[in-house]
Every structure is written in structure tokens, then in C-alpha cells.
C-alpha atoms as a PDB file:
ATOM      1  CA  MET A   1       0.000   0.000   0.000  1.00  0.00           C
ATOM      2  CA  GLU A   2       2.805   2.423   0.909  1.00  0.00           C
ATOM      3  CA  ALA A   3       4.629   1.793  -2.379  1.00  0.00           C
ATOM      4  CA  ALA A   4       1.449   2.482  -4.353  1.00  0.00           C
ATOM      5  CA  THR A   5       0.906   5.728  -2.458  1.00  0.00           C
ATOM      6  CA  ALA A   6       4.499   6.822  -3.108  1.00  0.00           C
ATOM      7  CA  LYS A   7       4.168   5.988  -6.815  1.00  0.00           C
ATOM      8  CA  ARG A   8       0.931   7.978  -7.067  1.00  0.00           C
ATOM      9  CA  LEU A   9       2.572  10.922  -5.324  1.00  0.00           C
ATOM     10  CA  ASP A  10       5.515  10.758  -7.752  1.00  0.00           C
ATOM     11  CA  LEU A  11       3.083  10.830 -10.692  1.00  0.00           C
ATOM     12  CA  LEU A  12       1.205  13.799  -9.237  1.00  0.00           C
ATOM     13  CA  ILE A  13       4.453  15.706  -8.642  1.00  0.00           C
ATOM     14  CA  ASP A  14       5.584  14.992 -12.210  1.00  0.00           C
ATOM     15  CA  ALA A  15       2.254  16.230 -13.567  1.00  0.00           C
ATOM     16  CA  GLN A  16       2.562  19.416 -11.499  1.00  0.00           C
ATOM     17  CA  ARG A  17       6.087  20.046 -12.832  1.00  0.00           C
ATOM     18  CA  ARG A  18       4.804  19.705 -16.394  1.00  0.00           C
ATOM     19  CA  HIS A  19       1.875  22.010 -15.640  1.00  0.00           C
ATOM     20  CA  VAL A  20       4.173  24.725 -14.267  1.00  0.00           C
ATOM     21  CA  ALA A  21       6.619  24.328 -17.173  1.00  0.00           C
ATOM     22  CA  HIS A  22       3.744  24.761 -19.648  1.00  0.00           C
ATOM     23  CA  PHE A  23       3.513  28.433 -18.659  1.00  0.00           C
ATOM     24  CA  ALA A  24       7.195  29.059 -19.466  1.00  0.00           C
ATOM     25  CA  GLY A  25       6.561  29.338 -23.210  1.00  0.00           C
ATOM     26  CA  GLU A  26       9.672  28.632 -25.263  1.00  0.00           C
ATOM     27  CA  GLN A  27      11.713  27.979 -22.117  1.00  0.00           C
ATOM     28  CA  TRP A  28       9.532  25.097 -20.917  1.00  0.00           C
ATOM     29  CA  GLN A  29      12.157  22.364 -21.383  1.00  0.00           C
ATOM     30  CA  PRO A  30      14.917  24.001 -19.272  1.00  0.00           C
ATOM     31  CA  LEU A  31      12.348  24.822 -16.584  1.00  0.00           C
ATOM     32  CA  LEU A  32      11.039  21.263 -16.534  1.00  0.00           C
ATOM     33  CA  ASP A  33      14.608  19.937 -16.319  1.00  0.00           C
ATOM     34  CA  TYR A  34      15.310  22.316 -13.412  1.00  0.00           C
ATOM     35  CA  LEU A  35      12.126  21.354 -11.564  1.00  0.00           C
ATOM     36  CA  SER A  36      12.914  17.675 -12.123  1.00  0.00           C
ATOM     37  CA  GLY A  37      16.393  18.091 -10.638  1.00  0.00           C
ATOM     38  CA  GLN A  38      18.237  17.526 -13.928  1.00  0.00           C
ATOM     39  CA  LEU A  39      19.637  21.093 -13.957  1.00  0.00           C
ATOM     40  CA  LYS A  40      21.186  22.818 -10.948  1.00  0.00           C
ATOM     41  CA  HIS A  41      20.562  26.331 -12.319  1.00  0.00           C
ATOM     42  CA  LEU A  42      18.183  27.841 -14.822  1.00  0.00           C
ATOM     43  CA  PRO A  43      19.852  29.255 -17.935  1.00  0.00           C
ATOM     44  CA  GLU A  44      19.973  33.040 -18.183  1.00  0.00           C
ATOM     45  CA  GLY A  45      17.532  34.790 -20.501  1.00  0.00           C
END
């Protein structure tokens, strides 16, 4: 049960990251990477 709850939470967090990144326009991919922990800093500009 705990593993299923953790998996669902991970899916909800991922969906929220994508939702936030959607509003970034052309810069959505770097923002999504940053929110997902794949980038340590957002690129300038």
C-alpha cells in the first residue's frame, strides 16, 4: 500500500512540474529539467 501511495505521489508531482513548465513558453524544457532536478541552475535569458 505504501509503495502504491508513493508511486501515485511521484506521478502527481511529475504532472505538477509539467503544468508549471507549460507556462514558461519557449523555455519550458529548461524549466522542466530544473524542476525535475536535472539542472542545478536555470539558464539566463
